[in-house]
C-alpha cells in the first residue's frame, strides 16, 4: 500500500505516473474486441474478485448504460451491447462456492450461458486467482476470446488470456484504479462508435 507513505497529492501524482506507463495499445485492443462483439451481437462477460469484482460490476454497468446516447433510450430498434458481470449473481456464486468450491463460481455460470464467439474480460490484480484461471481456460477451449486485466507480475493470467491489459505495479489499490481509468476510456470509445 504505497499510499500509507504519502500525502494525498503525492499519492495522486503516483497514480498519474502509473497511468501513463500503461500500453495504450492494450486498452485499444480491449475496446476493439468489445466493439467486435457489439457488431456481431455476441456477449461480453466480465469477472473479478474483491476490488476487481467491483470493477467488473462498474465496467459492466457503464458499458451497458453509459454507451447509449439518451436519444436512443426509447428506440427499441437501436442495437445495444450485450454485457454481463458474473460477479453480481450472488446466490449462484454462493451455491457453487458452498457446494463445489469457490474456484468454480465463474466457470459454471459460463457453462450455462456462454457461446463460441463471446468475450470474457477477466480481472485479477495478481493474475493467479483460481476461479479466474479456470474460467479463462474453459473459454479458451470453447471458442471464446479472453482478455485479462492484471497487475504485479501478471501471474498466470497474463499469458493464459488471448489479450491483456497489464499494470506492472505491486500495489493492488493503484492497479485497480488504473484498470478502472482504462475501462472508462473504453466506455467513451464505445459510446463514440455506437453514436456515429
Protein backbone atom coordinates (compact mmCIF):
# COMPACT_ATOMS: atom_id res chain seq x y z
CA UNK A 1 0.00 0.00 0.00
CA UNK A 2 2.07 2.86 -1.33
CA UNK A 3 -0.38 5.48 -0.10
CA UNK A 4 0.44 4.81 3.55
CA UNK A 5 3.76 6.62 2.96
CA UNK A 6 2.32 9.58 1.02
CA UNK A 7 0.15 12.63 1.43
CA UNK A 8 -2.88 12.92 -0.89
CA UNK A 9 -1.09 15.00 -3.55
CA UNK A 10 1.89 12.63 -3.73
CA UNK A 11 -0.48 9.68 -4.00
CA UNK A 12 -2.42 11.26 -6.86
CA UNK A 13 0.82 12.11 -8.65
CA UNK A 14 1.94 8.49 -8.31
CA UNK A 15 -1.32 7.28 -9.84
CA UNK A 16 -0.74 9.69 -12.73
CA UNK A 17 2.76 8.30 -13.25
CA UNK A 18 1.39 4.75 -13.39
CA UNK A 19 -1.42 5.69 -15.78
CA UNK A 20 0.98 6.90 -18.46
CA UNK A 21 3.08 3.72 -18.19
CA UNK A 22 0.20 1.58 -19.45
CA UNK A 23 0.47 0.41 -23.04
CA UNK A 24 -2.35 2.25 -24.86
CA UNK A 25 -2.44 -0.50 -27.48
CA UNK A 26 -3.65 -2.92 -24.81
CA UNK A 27 -6.55 -0.63 -23.93
CA UNK A 28 -7.35 -0.17 -27.62
CA UNK A 29 -7.36 -3.95 -28.10
CA UNK A 30 -9.95 -4.36 -25.33
CA UNK A 31 -12.13 -1.69 -26.90
CA UNK A 32 -11.79 -3.22 -30.36
CA UNK A 33 -12.70 -6.69 -29.12
CA UNK A 34 -15.77 -5.37 -27.32
CA UNK A 35 -16.76 -3.46 -30.45
CA UNK A 36 -16.45 -6.66 -32.47
CA UNK A 37 -18.86 -8.33 -30.02
CA UNK A 38 -21.28 -5.42 -30.40
CA UNK A 39 -21.18 -5.62 -34.19
CA UNK A 40 -21.68 -9.40 -34.23
CA UNK A 41 -24.30 -9.48 -31.45
CA UNK A 42 -22.03 -11.54 -29.18
CA UNK A 43 -21.94 -11.38 -25.38
CA UNK A 44 -19.23 -9.84 -23.21
CA UNK A 45 -18.83 -11.39 -19.74
CA UNK A 46 -16.79 -9.70 -17.00
CA UNK A 47 -15.38 -11.39 -13.89
CA UNK A 48 -13.21 -10.49 -10.91
CA UNK A 49 -12.83 -10.91 -7.15
CA UNK A 50 -12.86 -8.27 -4.40
CA UNK A 51 -12.00 -4.82 -5.74
CA UNK A 52 -11.60 -6.34 -9.20
CA UNK A 53 -15.10 -7.75 -8.78
CA UNK A 54 -16.34 -4.25 -8.03
CA UNK A 55 -14.53 -3.03 -11.14
CA UNK A 56 -16.25 -5.81 -13.12
CA UNK A 57 -19.66 -4.63 -11.92
CA UNK A 58 -18.80 -0.97 -12.51
CA UNK A 59 -17.44 -1.66 -16.01
CA UNK A 60 -20.50 -3.72 -16.91
CA UNK A 61 -22.92 -1.03 -15.74
CA UNK A 62 -21.04 1.70 -17.60
CA UNK A 63 -20.83 -0.35 -20.80
CA UNK A 64 -24.49 -1.34 -20.67
CA UNK A 65 -25.92 2.11 -19.99
CA UNK A 66 -23.10 4.61 -20.48
CA UNK A 67 -22.54 3.69 -24.12
CA UNK A 68 -26.05 4.78 -25.10
CA UNK A 69 -26.94 8.21 -26.37
CA UNK A 70 -30.02 9.48 -24.49
CA UNK A 71 -31.88 9.87 -27.80
CA UNK A 72 -31.81 6.07 -28.16
CA UNK A 73 -33.19 5.20 -24.68
CA UNK A 74 -36.67 4.56 -26.06
CA UNK A 75 -35.61 3.35 -29.51
CA UNK A 76 -36.09 -0.42 -29.43
CA UNK A 77 -34.58 -0.73 -32.90
CA UNK A 78 -31.17 0.56 -31.72
CA UNK A 79 -28.83 -2.34 -31.04
CA UNK A 80 -27.31 -2.48 -27.55
CA UNK A 81 -24.16 -4.09 -26.22
CA UNK A 82 -24.79 -7.48 -24.62
CA UNK A 83 -22.70 -7.41 -21.43
CA UNK A 84 -23.00 -9.18 -18.09
CA UNK A 85 -20.90 -9.13 -14.91
CA UNK A 86 -20.82 -12.64 -13.46
CA UNK A 87 -19.77 -11.18 -10.09
CA UNK A 88 -23.32 -9.98 -9.46
CA UNK A 89 -25.19 -13.30 -9.30
CA UNK A 90 -24.73 -13.75 -5.55
CA UNK A 91 -27.00 -16.78 -4.94
CA UNK A 92 -25.42 -18.65 -7.85
CA UNK A 93 -21.91 -17.81 -6.62
CA UNK A 94 -22.76 -18.90 -3.08
CA UNK A 95 -24.37 -22.15 -4.23
CA UNK A 96 -21.37 -23.22 -6.29
CA UNK A 97 -18.87 -21.91 -3.75
CA UNK A 98 -20.56 -23.70 -0.87
CA UNK A 99 -21.36 -26.99 -2.61
CA UNK A 100 -18.45 -27.49 -5.03
CA UNK A 101 -15.75 -24.90 -4.33
CA UNK A 102 -15.12 -21.23 -4.96
CA UNK A 103 -12.87 -21.99 -7.92
CA UNK A 104 -15.99 -22.94 -9.93
CA UNK A 105 -18.15 -19.83 -9.35
CA UNK A 106 -17.48 -18.21 -12.75
CA UNK A 107 -16.77 -21.35 -14.75
CA UNK A 108 -20.16 -22.88 -14.00
CA UNK A 109 -22.05 -19.71 -14.91
CA UNK A 110 -20.22 -19.58 -18.24
CA UNK A 111 -21.10 -23.20 -18.97
CA UNK A 112 -24.79 -22.24 -18.75
CA UNK A 113 -24.78 -19.12 -20.89
CA UNK A 114 -21.60 -18.57 -22.94
CA UNK A 115 -21.20 -19.39 -26.63
CA UNK A 116 -18.33 -19.51 -29.12
CA UNK A 117 -17.51 -16.00 -30.32
CA UNK A 118 -18.31 -14.39 -26.96
CA UNK A 119 -15.66 -12.47 -24.99
CA UNK A 120 -14.58 -12.94 -21.38
CA UNK A 121 -12.92 -9.99 -19.63
CA UNK A 122 -11.13 -11.44 -16.60
CA UNK A 123 -9.82 -9.01 -13.99
CA UNK A 124 -7.25 -10.21 -11.45
CA UNK A 125 -4.60 -7.98 -9.91
CA UNK A 126 -2.40 -10.94 -9.03
CA UNK A 127 -3.29 -12.88 -12.16
CA UNK A 128 -3.38 -16.07 -10.10
CA UNK A 129 -6.96 -16.36 -8.83
CA UNK A 130 -8.03 -20.00 -9.38
CA UNK A 131 -11.65 -19.12 -10.21
CA UNK A 132 -10.47 -16.63 -12.85
CA UNK A 133 -7.96 -19.03 -14.37
CA UNK A 134 -10.46 -21.90 -14.59
CA UNK A 135 -12.96 -19.65 -16.37
CA UNK A 136 -10.32 -18.41 -18.84
CA UNK A 137 -9.14 -21.94 -19.57
CA UNK A 138 -12.69 -23.11 -20.25
CA UNK A 139 -13.40 -20.15 -22.54
CA UNK A 140 -10.15 -20.68 -24.44
CA UNK A 141 -11.18 -24.28 -25.05
CA UNK A 142 -14.71 -23.36 -26.19
CA UNK A 143 -14.17 -20.85 -28.98
CA UNK A 144 -14.29 -17.66 -26.92
CA UNK A 145 -11.84 -14.77 -26.79
CA UNK A 146 -10.33 -13.98 -23.40
CA UNK A 147 -8.87 -10.69 -22.21
CA UNK A 148 -7.05 -10.40 -18.89
CA UNK A 149 -6.52 -7.30 -16.77
CA UNK A 150 -3.57 -7.81 -14.43
CA UNK A 151 -1.13 -6.11 -12.09
CA UNK A 152 2.02 -7.09 -10.18
CA UNK A 153 3.94 -9.58 -12.40
CA UNK A 154 0.77 -10.58 -14.26
CA UNK A 155 0.64 -14.09 -12.85
CA UNK A 156 -0.67 -16.96 -14.97
CA UNK A 157 -3.49 -14.86 -16.40
CA UNK A 158 -1.09 -12.61 -18.32
CA UNK A 159 -0.16 -15.46 -20.63
CA UNK A 160 -3.34 -17.57 -20.37
CA UNK A 161 -5.64 -14.90 -21.85
CA UNK A 162 -5.53 -14.06 -25.56
CA UNK A 163 -5.08 -10.36 -24.78
CA UNK A 164 -4.00 -8.49 -21.68
CA UNK A 165 -4.00 -5.05 -20.05
CA UNK A 166 -1.10 -5.11 -17.63
CA UNK A 167 -0.27 -2.65 -14.86
CA UNK A 168 3.25 -3.61 -13.69
CA UNK A 169 2.99 -2.41 -10.09
CA UNK A 170 2.94 -4.17 -6.71
CA UNK A 171 0.08 -2.14 -5.24
CA UNK A 172 -3.43 -3.57 -5.60
CA UNK A 173 -5.24 -0.27 -4.99
CA UNK A 174 -3.36 1.59 -7.69
CA UNK A 175 -3.62 -1.37 -10.09
CA UNK A 176 -7.40 -1.38 -9.64
CA UNK A 177 -7.51 2.41 -10.09
CA UNK A 178 -5.60 2.20 -13.37
CA UNK A 179 -7.82 -0.63 -14.61
CA UNK A 180 -10.91 1.45 -13.89
CA UNK A 181 -9.46 4.50 -15.67
CA UNK A 182 -8.79 2.33 -18.73
CA UNK A 183 -12.33 0.95 -18.57
CA UNK A 184 -13.75 4.47 -18.55
CA UNK A 185 -11.92 5.24 -21.79
CA UNK A 186 -13.30 2.03 -23.33
CA UNK A 187 -16.80 3.20 -22.36
CA UNK A 188 -16.21 6.56 -24.04
CA UNK A 189 -14.74 4.94 -27.14
CA UNK A 190 -17.67 2.52 -27.43
CA UNK A 191 -20.15 5.38 -26.95
CA UNK A 192 -18.43 7.24 -29.80
CA UNK A 193 -18.65 4.25 -32.12
CA UNK A 194 -22.26 3.41 -31.32
CA UNK A 195 -23.45 7.01 -31.67
CA UNK A 196 -21.74 7.63 -35.02
